[in-house]
Amino acid sequence: MALSQPATFNEEWSDERVFAYLNHLPPEGSSADFHVLYNAYKHMRPHDFERLLTQFTADGRDINATNPQGQRIHDVIAQFPRHSTEFLNVLAKFA
């Protein structure tokens, strides 16, 4: 039986860990900028997402990039109203 890593919560993310998401490669035919934003949203807490967006926009990347269905990250996040408010508030700072 393989040992699994214990879950950790509320750990502090280093800049290296947060900014590593900027280098995530998308599937073929997908927007690299949308892919970064979507994966960051799925895995980060709002304050870490904000840290990423600060560097993302400073790098001149497109916060309005779309997925293959034409949705922006704002549209995708808004589909989950129970968990979206903080993330949408962070995004609004960069609009």
PDB file of N, CA and C in Angstrom:
ATOM      1  N   MET A   1       0.851  -1.172   0.000  1.00  0.00           N
ATOM      2  CA  MET A   1       0.000   0.000   0.000  1.00  0.00           C
ATOM      3  C   MET A   1       0.899   1.237   0.000  1.00  0.00           C
ATOM      4  N   ALA A   2       0.637   2.149  -0.900  1.00  0.00           N
ATOM      5  CA  ALA A   2       1.436   3.372  -1.004  1.00  0.00           C
ATOM      6  C   ALA A   2       1.002   4.369   0.060  1.00  0.00           C
ATOM      7  N   LEU A   3       1.971   5.064   0.581  1.00  0.00           N
ATOM      8  CA  LEU A   3       1.675   6.125   1.535  1.00  0.00           C
ATOM      9  C   LEU A   3       1.310   7.380   0.760  1.00  0.00           C
ATOM     10  N   SER A   4       0.321   8.080   1.245  1.00  0.00           N
ATOM     11  CA  SER A   4      -0.049   9.333   0.586  1.00  0.00           C
ATOM     12  C   SER A   4       0.421  10.502   1.433  1.00  0.00           C
ATOM     13  N   GLN A   5       0.586  11.624   0.760  1.00  0.00           N
ATOM     14  CA  GLN A   5       1.017  12.826   1.462  1.00  0.00           C
ATOM     15  C   GLN A   5      -0.161  13.362   2.259  1.00  0.00           C
ATOM     16  N   PRO A   6       0.061  13.718   3.511  1.00  0.00           N
ATOM     17  CA  PRO A   6      -1.053  14.244   4.309  1.00  0.00           C
ATOM     18  C   PRO A   6      -1.502  15.603   3.773  1.00  0.00           C
ATOM     19  N   ALA A   7      -2.793  15.858   3.845  1.00  0.00           N
ATOM     20  CA  ALA A   7      -3.334  17.140   3.403  1.00  0.00           C
ATOM     21  C   ALA A   7      -2.856  18.244   4.338  1.00  0.00           C
ATOM     22  N   THR A   8      -2.534  19.377   3.744  1.00  0.00           N
ATOM     23  CA  THR A   8      -2.170  20.542   4.541  1.00  0.00           C
ATOM     24  C   THR A   8      -3.071  21.688   4.128  1.00  0.00           C
ATOM     25  N   PHE A   9      -3.453  22.487   5.077  1.00  0.00           N
ATOM     26  CA  PHE A   9      -4.358  23.594   4.831  1.00  0.00           C
ATOM     27  C   PHE A   9      -3.748  24.870   5.368  1.00  0.00           C
ATOM     28  N   ASN A  10      -4.042  25.963   4.673  1.00  0.00           N
ATOM     29  CA  ASN A  10      -3.597  27.295   5.084  1.00  0.00           C
ATOM     30  C   ASN A  10      -2.087  27.442   5.165  1.00  0.00           C
ATOM     31  N   GLU A  11      -1.356  26.629   4.419  1.00  0.00           N
ATOM     32  CA  GLU A  11       0.082  26.795   4.390  1.00  0.00           C
ATOM     33  C   GLU A  11       0.416  28.010   3.534  1.00  0.00           C
ATOM     34  N   GLU A  12       1.495  28.658   3.841  1.00  0.00           N
ATOM     35  CA  GLU A  12       1.929  29.827   3.078  1.00  0.00           C
ATOM     36  C   GLU A  12       2.594  29.360   1.791  1.00  0.00           C
ATOM     37  N   TRP A  13       2.166  29.916   0.667  1.00  0.00           N
ATOM     38  CA  TRP A  13       2.750  29.585  -0.625  1.00  0.00           C
ATOM     39  C   TRP A  13       3.901  30.543  -0.910  1.00  0.00           C
ATOM     40  N   SER A  14       5.028  30.008  -1.301  1.00  0.00           N
ATOM     41  CA  SER A  14       6.175  30.840  -1.668  1.00  0.00           C
ATOM     42  C   SER A  14       5.907  31.494  -3.019  1.00  0.00           C
ATOM     43  N   ASP A  15       6.653  32.577  -3.308  1.00  0.00           N
ATOM     44  CA  ASP A  15       6.550  33.210  -4.621  1.00  0.00           C
ATOM     45  C   ASP A  15       6.882  32.206  -5.716  1.00  0.00           C
ATOM     46  N   GLU A  16       7.869  31.377  -5.471  1.00  0.00           N
ATOM     47  CA  GLU A  16       8.269  30.380  -6.468  1.00  0.00           C
ATOM     48  C   GLU A  16       7.103  29.458  -6.813  1.00  0.00           C
ATOM     49  N   ARG A  17       6.386  29.029  -5.809  1.00  0.00           N
ATOM     50  CA  ARG A  17       5.254  28.129  -6.041  1.00  0.00           C
ATOM     51  C   ARG A  17       4.124  28.844  -6.784  1.00  0.00           C
ATOM     52  N   VAL A  18       3.790  30.058  -6.358  1.00  0.00           N
ATOM     53  CA  VAL A  18       2.722  30.822  -7.009  1.00  0.00           C
ATOM     54  C   VAL A  18       3.087  31.113  -8.464  1.00  0.00           C
ATOM     55  N   PHE A  19       4.284  31.633  -8.679  1.00  0.00           N
ATOM     56  CA  PHE A  19       4.670  32.072 -10.020  1.00  0.00           C
ATOM     57  C   PHE A  19       4.995  30.917 -10.960  1.00  0.00           C
ATOM     58  N   ALA A  20       5.175  29.723 -10.428  1.00  0.00           N
ATOM     59  CA  ALA A  20       5.384  28.556 -11.288  1.00  0.00           C
ATOM     60  C   ALA A  20       4.163  28.322 -12.179  1.00  0.00           C
ATOM     61  N   TYR A  21       2.987  28.741 -11.731  1.00  0.00           N
ATOM     62  CA  TYR A  21       1.777  28.588 -12.533  1.00  0.00           C
ATOM     63  C   TYR A  21       1.848  29.386 -13.829  1.00  0.00           C
ATOM     64  N   LEU A  22       2.667  30.421 -13.866  1.00  0.00           N
ATOM     65  CA  LEU A  22       2.805  31.232 -15.077  1.00  0.00           C
ATOM     66  C   LEU A  22       3.409  30.442 -16.228  1.00  0.00           C
ATOM     67  N   ASN A  23       4.054  29.331 -15.918  1.00  0.00           N
ATOM     68  CA  ASN A  23       4.723  28.528 -16.927  1.00  0.00           C
ATOM     69  C   ASN A  23       3.963  27.267 -17.317  1.00  0.00           C
ATOM     70  N   HIS A  24       2.759  27.086 -16.801  1.00  0.00           N
ATOM     71  CA  HIS A  24       1.975  25.903 -17.147  1.00  0.00           C
ATOM     72  C   HIS A  24       1.607  25.951 -18.622  1.00  0.00           C
ATOM     73  N   LEU A  25       1.877  24.883 -19.324  1.00  0.00           N
ATOM     74  CA  LEU A  25       1.596  24.816 -20.755  1.00  0.00           C
ATOM     75  C   LEU A  25       0.178  24.298 -20.999  1.00  0.00           C
ATOM     76  N   PRO A  26      -0.522  24.915 -21.942  1.00  0.00           N
ATOM     77  CA  PRO A  26      -1.898  24.500 -22.219  1.00  0.00           C
ATOM     78  C   PRO A  26      -1.947  23.305 -23.157  1.00  0.00           C
ATOM     79  N   PRO A  27      -3.102  22.666 -23.214  1.00  0.00           N
ATOM     80  CA  PRO A  27      -3.298  21.643 -24.243  1.00  0.00           C
ATOM     81  C   PRO A  27      -3.243  22.315 -25.617  1.00  0.00           C
ATOM     82  N   GLU A  28      -2.903  21.564 -26.621  1.00  0.00           N
ATOM     83  CA  GLU A  28      -2.822  22.117 -27.980  1.00  0.00           C
ATOM     84  C   GLU A  28      -4.151  22.757 -28.371  1.00  0.00           C
ATOM     85  N   GLY A  29      -4.067  23.941 -28.940  1.00  0.00           N
ATOM     86  CA  GLY A  29      -5.257  24.649 -29.394  1.00  0.00           C
ATOM     87  C   GLY A  29      -5.922  25.494 -28.331  1.00  0.00           C
ATOM     88  N   SER A  30      -5.353  25.548 -27.137  1.00  0.00           N
ATOM     89  CA  SER A  30      -5.920  26.348 -26.049  1.00  0.00           C
ATOM     90  C   SER A  30      -5.049  27.564 -25.780  1.00  0.00           C
ATOM     91  N   SER A  31      -5.668  28.601 -25.250  1.00  0.00           N
ATOM     92  CA  SER A  31      -4.952  29.821 -24.895  1.00  0.00           C
ATOM     93  C   SER A  31      -4.074  29.571 -23.670  1.00  0.00           C
ATOM     94  N   ALA A  32      -2.801  29.909 -23.796  1.00  0.00           N
ATOM     95  CA  ALA A  32      -1.884  29.751 -22.661  1.00  0.00           C
ATOM     96  C   ALA A  32      -2.311  30.639 -21.503  1.00  0.00           C
ATOM     97  N   ASP A  33      -2.768  31.863 -21.801  1.00  0.00           N
ATOM     98  CA  ASP A  33      -3.172  32.768 -20.728  1.00  0.00           C
ATOM     99  C   ASP A  33      -4.404  32.268 -19.999  1.00  0.00           C
ATOM    100  N   PHE A  34      -5.412  31.787 -20.729  1.00  0.00           N
ATOM    101  CA  PHE A  34      -6.589  31.235 -20.066  1.00  0.00           C
ATOM    102  C   PHE A  34      -6.208  30.021 -19.232  1.00  0.00           C
ATOM    103  N   HIS A  35      -5.369  29.177 -19.772  1.00  0.00           N
ATOM    104  CA  HIS A  35      -4.949  27.960 -19.070  1.00  0.00           C
ATOM    105  C   HIS A  35      -4.290  28.287 -17.723  1.00  0.00           C
ATOM    106  N   VAL A  36      -3.415  29.286 -17.726  1.00  0.00           N
ATOM    107  CA  VAL A  36      -2.768  29.712 -16.479  1.00  0.00           C
ATOM    108  C   VAL A  36      -3.811  30.198 -15.479  1.00  0.00           C
ATOM    109  N   LEU A  37      -4.701  31.069 -15.933  1.00  0.00           N
ATOM    110  CA  LEU A  37      -5.719  31.627 -15.039  1.00  0.00           C
ATOM    111  C   LEU A  37      -6.638  30.543 -14.476  1.00  0.00           C
ATOM    112  N   TYR A  38      -7.052  29.622 -15.327  1.00  0.00           N
ATOM    113  CA  TYR A  38      -7.969  28.566 -14.884  1.00  0.00           C
ATOM    114  C   TYR A  38      -7.304  27.643 -13.857  1.00  0.00           C
ATOM    115  N   ASN A  39      -6.077  27.241 -14.130  1.00  0.00           N
ATOM    116  CA  ASN A  39      -5.395  26.357 -13.183  1.00  0.00           C
ATOM    117  C   ASN A  39      -5.086  27.065 -11.876  1.00  0.00           C
ATOM    118  N   ALA A  40      -4.738  28.327 -11.960  1.00  0.00           N
ATOM    119  CA  ALA A  40      -4.500  29.086 -10.728  1.00  0.00           C
ATOM    120  C   ALA A  40      -5.789  29.180  -9.911  1.00  0.00           C
ATOM    121  N   TYR A  41      -6.903  29.472 -10.570  1.00  0.00           N
ATOM    122  CA  TYR A  41      -8.188  29.550  -9.871  1.00  0.00           C
ATOM    123  C   TYR A  41      -8.518  28.227  -9.186  1.00  0.00           C
ATOM    124  N   LYS A  42      -8.303  27.128  -9.884  1.00  0.00           N
ATOM    125  CA  LYS A  42      -8.647  25.815  -9.331  1.00  0.00           C
ATOM    126  C   LYS A  42      -7.805  25.443  -8.110  1.00  0.00           C
ATOM    127  N   HIS A  43      -6.573  25.927  -8.043  1.00  0.00           N
ATOM    128  CA  HIS A  43      -5.654  25.437  -7.018  1.00  0.00           C
ATOM    129  C   HIS A  43      -5.256  26.452  -5.949  1.00  0.00           C
ATOM    130  N   MET A  44      -5.532  27.715  -6.179  1.00  0.00           N
ATOM    131  CA  MET A  44      -5.064  28.744  -5.249  1.00  0.00           C
ATOM    132  C   MET A  44      -6.194  29.315  -4.405  1.00  0.00           C
ATOM    133  N   ARG A  45      -5.772  29.911  -3.311  1.00  0.00           N
ATOM    134  CA  ARG A  45      -6.685  30.710  -2.508  1.00  0.00           C
ATOM    135  C   ARG A  45      -6.726  32.110  -3.125  1.00  0.00           C
ATOM    136  N   PRO A  46      -7.764  32.897  -2.837  1.00  0.00           N
ATOM    137  CA  PRO A  46      -7.881  34.210  -3.468  1.00  0.00           C
ATOM    138  C   PRO A  46      -6.647  35.106  -3.307  1.00  0.00           C
ATOM    139  N   HIS A  47      -6.022  35.119  -2.135  1.00  0.00           N
ATOM    140  CA  HIS A  47      -4.876  36.029  -1.976  1.00  0.00           C
ATOM    141  C   HIS A  47      -3.665  35.555  -2.772  1.00  0.00           C
ATOM    142  N   ASP A  48      -3.503  34.257  -2.968  1.00  0.00           N
ATOM    143  CA  ASP A  48      -2.424  33.759  -3.823  1.00  0.00           C
ATOM    144  C   ASP A  48      -2.756  34.026  -5.297  1.00  0.00           C
ATOM    145  N   PHE A  49      -4.025  33.904  -5.659  1.00  0.00           N
ATOM    146  CA  PHE A  49      -4.484  34.219  -7.007  1.00  0.00           C
ATOM    147  C   PHE A  49      -4.179  35.687  -7.330  1.00  0.00           C
ATOM    148  N   GLU A  50      -4.385  36.556  -6.363  1.00  0.00           N
ATOM    149  CA  GLU A  50      -4.085  37.981  -6.559  1.00  0.00           C
ATOM    150  C   GLU A  50      -2.585  38.204  -6.776  1.00  0.00           C
ATOM    151  N   ARG A  51      -1.769  37.506  -6.026  1.00  0.00           N
ATOM    152  CA  ARG A  51      -0.315  37.603  -6.220  1.00  0.00           C
ATOM    153  C   ARG A  51       0.061  37.187  -7.635  1.00  0.00           C
ATOM    154  N   LEU A  52      -0.531  36.089  -8.102  1.00  0.00           N
ATOM    155  CA  LEU A  52      -0.263  35.624  -9.455  1.00  0.00           C
ATOM    156  C   LEU A  52      -0.718  36.662 -10.475  1.00  0.00           C
ATOM    157  N   LEU A  53      -1.914  37.222 -10.307  1.00  0.00           N
ATOM    158  CA  LEU A  53      -2.431  38.194 -11.263  1.00  0.00           C
ATOM    159  C   LEU A  53      -1.577  39.456 -11.330  1.00  0.00           C
ATOM    160  N   THR A  54      -0.981  39.830 -10.228  1.00  0.00           N
ATOM    161  CA  THR A  54      -0.098  40.988 -10.234  1.00  0.00           C
ATOM    162  C   THR A  54       1.056  40.762 -11.203  1.00  0.00           C
ATOM    163  N   GLN A  55       1.677  39.602 -11.138  1.00  0.00           N
ATOM    164  CA  GLN A  55       2.785  39.290 -12.049  1.00  0.00           C
ATOM    165  C   GLN A  55       2.271  39.025 -13.462  1.00  0.00           C
ATOM    166  N   PHE A  56       1.156  38.340 -13.573  1.00  0.00           N
ATOM    167  CA  PHE A  56       0.541  38.003 -14.858  1.00  0.00           C
ATOM    168  C   PHE A  56       0.306  39.269 -15.680  1.00  0.00           C
ATOM    169  N   THR A  57      -0.318  40.272 -15.064  1.00  0.00           N
ATOM    170  CA  THR A  57      -0.606  41.513 -15.787  1.00  0.00           C
ATOM    171  C   THR A  57       0.658  42.333 -16.010  1.00  0.00           C
ATOM    172  N   ALA A  58       1.599  42.300 -15.076  1.00  0.00           N
ATOM    173  CA  ALA A  58       2.874  43.012 -15.259  1.00  0.00           C
ATOM    174  C   ALA A  58       3.640  42.444 -16.454  1.00  0.00           C
ATOM    175  N   ASP A  59       3.445  41.156 -16.711  1.00  0.00           N
ATOM    176  CA  ASP A  59       4.092  40.507 -17.852  1.00  0.00           C
ATOM    177  C   ASP A  59       3.365  40.800 -19.167  1.00  0.00           C
ATOM    178  N   GLY A  60       2.255  41.531 -19.095  1.00  0.00           N
ATOM    179  CA  GLY A  60       1.509  41.883 -20.297  1.00  0.00           C
ATOM    180  C   GLY A  60       0.623  40.775 -20.834  1.00  0.00           C
ATOM    181  N   ARG A  61       0.281  39.842 -19.979  1.00  0.00           N
ATOM    182  CA  ARG A  61      -0.559  38.721 -20.410  1.00  0.00           C
ATOM    183  C   ARG A  61      -2.027  39.136 -20.401  1.00  0.00           C
ATOM    184  N   ASP A  62      -2.855  38.382 -21.095  1.00  0.00           N
ATOM    185  CA  ASP A  62      -4.248  38.747 -21.360  1.00  0.00           C
ATOM    186  C   ASP A  62      -5.200  38.168 -20.328  1.00  0.00           C
ATOM    187  N   ILE A  63      -5.685  39.030 -19.450  1.00  0.00           N
ATOM    188  CA  ILE A  63      -6.630  38.600 -18.422  1.00  0.00           C
ATOM    189  C   ILE A  63      -8.004  38.276 -19.021  1.00  0.00           C
ATOM    190  N   ASN A  64      -8.239  38.715 -20.257  1.00  0.00           N
ATOM    191  CA  ASN A  64      -9.504  38.447 -20.937  1.00  0.00           C
ATOM    192  C   ASN A  64      -9.396  37.312 -21.952  1.00  0.00           C
ATOM    193  N   ALA A  65      -8.342  36.522 -21.851  1.00  0.00           N
ATOM    194  CA  ALA A  65      -8.178  35.366 -22.744  1.00  0.00           C
ATOM    195  C   ALA A  65      -9.373  34.434 -22.562  1.00  0.00           C
ATOM    196  N   THR A  66      -9.697  33.696 -23.613  1.00  0.00           N
ATOM    197  CA  THR A  66     -10.861  32.812 -23.564  1.00  0.00           C
ATOM    198  C   THR A  66     -10.469  31.350 -23.758  1.00  0.00           C
ATOM    199  N   ASN A  67     -11.350  30.489 -23.286  1.00  0.00           N
ATOM    200  CA  ASN A  67     -11.193  29.049 -23.506  1.00  0.00           C
ATOM    201  C   ASN A  67     -11.767  28.718 -24.886  1.00  0.00           C
ATOM    202  N   PRO A  68     -11.674  27.475 -25.331  1.00  0.00           N
ATOM    203  CA  PRO A  68     -12.203  27.119 -26.652  1.00  0.00           C
ATOM    204  C   PRO A  68     -13.717  27.368 -26.806  1.00  0.00           C
ATOM    205  N   GLN A  69     -14.433  27.485 -25.698  1.00  0.00           N
ATOM    206  CA  GLN A  69     -15.870  27.765 -25.749  1.00  0.00           C
ATOM    207  C   GLN A  69     -16.160  29.266 -25.754  1.00  0.00           C
ATOM    208  N   GLY A  70     -15.106  30.093 -25.755  1.00  0.00           N
ATOM    209  CA  GLY A  70     -15.276  31.543 -25.798  1.00  0.00           C
ATOM    210  C   GLY A  70     -15.528  32.194 -24.450  1.00  0.00           C
ATOM    211  N   GLN A  71     -15.315  31.468 -23.376  1.00  0.00           N
ATOM    212  CA  GLN A  71     -15.539  32.016 -22.027  1.00  0.00           C
ATOM    213  C   GLN A  71     -14.243  32.604 -21.471  1.00  0.00           C
ATOM    214  N   ARG A  72     -14.368  33.761 -20.827  1.00  0.00           N
ATOM    215  CA  ARG A  72     -13.251  34.331 -20.079  1.00  0.00           C
ATOM    216  C   ARG A  72     -13.215  33.667 -18.697  1.00  0.00           C
ATOM    217  N   ILE A  73     -12.115  33.836 -17.993  1.00  0.00           N
ATOM    218  CA  ILE A  73     -12.015  33.248 -16.648  1.00  0.00           C
ATOM    219  C   ILE A  73     -13.121  33.792 -15.745  1.00  0.00           C
ATOM    220  N   HIS A  74     -13.498  35.056 -15.930  1.00  0.00           N
ATOM    221  CA  HIS A  74     -14.596  35.646 -15.149  1.00  0.00           C
ATOM    222  C   HIS A  74     -15.878  34.830 -15.326  1.00  0.00           C
ATOM    223  N   ASP A  75     -16.154  34.458 -16.586  1.00  0.00           N
ATOM    224  CA  ASP A  75     -17.377  33.708 -16.896  1.00  0.00           C
ATOM    225  C   ASP A  75     -17.372  32.331 -16.239  1.00  0.00           C
ATOM    226  N   VAL A  76     -16.241  31.680 -16.279  1.00  0.00           N
ATOM    227  CA  VAL A  76     -16.125  30.339 -15.696  1.00  0.00           C
ATOM    228  C   VAL A  76     -16.282  30.410 -14.180  1.00  0.00           C
ATOM    229  N   ILE A  77     -15.591  31.336 -13.555  1.00  0.00           N
ATOM    230  CA  ILE A  77     -15.662  31.465 -12.095  1.00  0.00           C
ATOM    231  C   ILE A  77     -17.082  31.805 -11.641  1.00  0.00           C
ATOM    232  N   ALA A  78     -17.757  32.658 -12.385  1.00  0.00           N
ATOM    233  CA  ALA A  78     -19.113  33.084 -12.009  1.00  0.00           C
ATOM    234  C   ALA A  78     -20.113  31.928 -12.017  1.00  0.00           C
ATOM    235  N   GLN A  79     -19.779  30.827 -12.657  1.00  0.00           N
ATOM    236  CA  GLN A  79     -20.669  29.660 -12.674  1.00  0.00           C
ATOM    237  C   GLN A  79     -20.750  28.960 -11.318  1.00  0.00           C
ATOM    238  N   PHE A  80     -19.859  29.334 -10.411  1.00  0.00           N
ATOM    239  CA  PHE A  80     -19.806  28.700  -9.092  1.00  0.00           C
ATOM    240  C   PHE A  80     -20.020  29.757  -8.009  1.00  0.00           C
ATOM    241  N   PRO A  81     -21.240  30.305  -7.914  1.00  0.00           N
ATOM    242  CA  PRO A  81     -21.486  31.460  -7.044  1.00  0.00           C
ATOM    243  C   PRO A  81     -21.122  31.249  -5.581  1.00  0.00           C
ATOM    244  N   ARG A  82     -21.179  30.043  -5.127  1.00  0.00           N
ATOM    245  CA  ARG A  82     -20.871  29.778  -3.714  1.00  0.00           C
ATOM    246  C   ARG A  82     -19.399  30.031  -3.391  1.00  0.00           C
ATOM    247  N   HIS A  83     -18.530  29.874  -4.381  1.00  0.00           N
ATOM    248  CA  HIS A  83     -17.100  30.015  -4.151  1.00  0.00           C
ATOM    249  C   HIS A  83     -16.455  31.111  -5.001  1.00  0.00           C
ATOM    250  N   SER A  84     -17.254  31.875  -5.720  1.00  0.00           N
ATOM    251  CA  SER A  84     -16.673  32.787  -6.699  1.00  0.00           C
ATOM    252  C   SER A  84     -16.463  34.214  -6.235  1.00  0.00           C
ATOM    253  N   THR A  85     -17.168  34.676  -5.244  1.00  0.00           N
ATOM    254  CA  THR A  85     -17.167  36.091  -4.894  1.00  0.00           C
ATOM    255  C   THR A  85     -15.767  36.651  -4.661  1.00  0.00           C
ATOM    256  N   GLU A  86     -14.972  35.995  -3.846  1.00  0.00           N
ATOM    257  CA  GLU A  86     -13.631  36.515  -3.558  1.00  0.00           C
ATOM    258  C   GLU A  86     -12.764  36.542  -4.810  1.00  0.00           C
ATOM    259  N   PHE A  87     -12.867  35.504  -5.636  1.00  0.00           N
ATOM    260  CA  PHE A  87     -12.069  35.460  -6.855  1.00  0.00           C
ATOM    261  C   PHE A  87     -12.514  36.541  -7.840  1.00  0.00           C
ATOM    262  N   LEU A  88     -13.804  36.757  -7.964  1.00  0.00           N
ATOM    263  CA  LEU A  88     -14.312  37.800  -8.860  1.00  0.00           C
ATOM    264  C   LEU A  88     -13.892  39.183  -8.360  1.00  0.00           C
ATOM    265  N   ASN A  89     -13.880  39.385  -7.055  1.00  0.00           N
ATOM    266  CA  ASN A  89     -13.413  40.654  -6.501  1.00  0.00           C
ATOM    267  C   ASN A  89     -11.927  40.889  -6.827  1.00  0.00           C
ATOM    268  N   VAL A  90     -11.136  39.834  -6.756  1.00  0.00           N
ATOM    269  CA  VAL A  90      -9.719  39.943  -7.111  1.00  0.00           C
ATOM    270  C   VAL A  90      -9.588  40.296  -8.589  1.00  0.00           C
ATOM    271  N   LEU A  91     -10.318  39.603  -9.445  1.00  0.00           N
ATOM    272  CA  LEU A  91     -10.265  39.886 -10.877  1.00  0.00           C
ATOM    273  C   LEU A  91     -10.663  41.318 -11.200  1.00  0.00           C
ATOM    274  N   ALA A  92     -11.642  41.836 -10.483  1.00  0.00           N
ATOM    275  CA  ALA A  92     -12.118  43.206 -10.727  1.00  0.00           C
ATOM    276  C   ALA A  92     -11.003  44.233 -10.505  1.00  0.00           C
ATOM    277  N   LYS A  93     -10.056  43.939  -9.635  1.00  0.00           N
ATOM    278  CA  LYS A  93      -8.932  44.845  -9.395  1.00  0.00           C
ATOM    279  C   LYS A  93      -8.034  44.975 -10.615  1.00  0.00           C
ATOM    280  N   PHE A  94      -8.085  43.989 -11.499  1.00  0.00           N
ATOM    281  CA  PHE A  94      -7.189  43.950 -12.647  1.00  0.00           C
ATOM    282  C   PHE A  94      -7.910  44.225 -13.968  1.00  0.00           C
ATOM    283  N   ALA A  95      -9.209  44.518 -13.882  1.00  0.00           N
ATOM    284  CA  ALA A  95     -10.000  44.748 -15.107  1.00  0.00           C
ATOM    285  C   ALA A  95      -9.673  46.078 -15.747  1.00  0.00           C
TER     286      ALA A  95
END
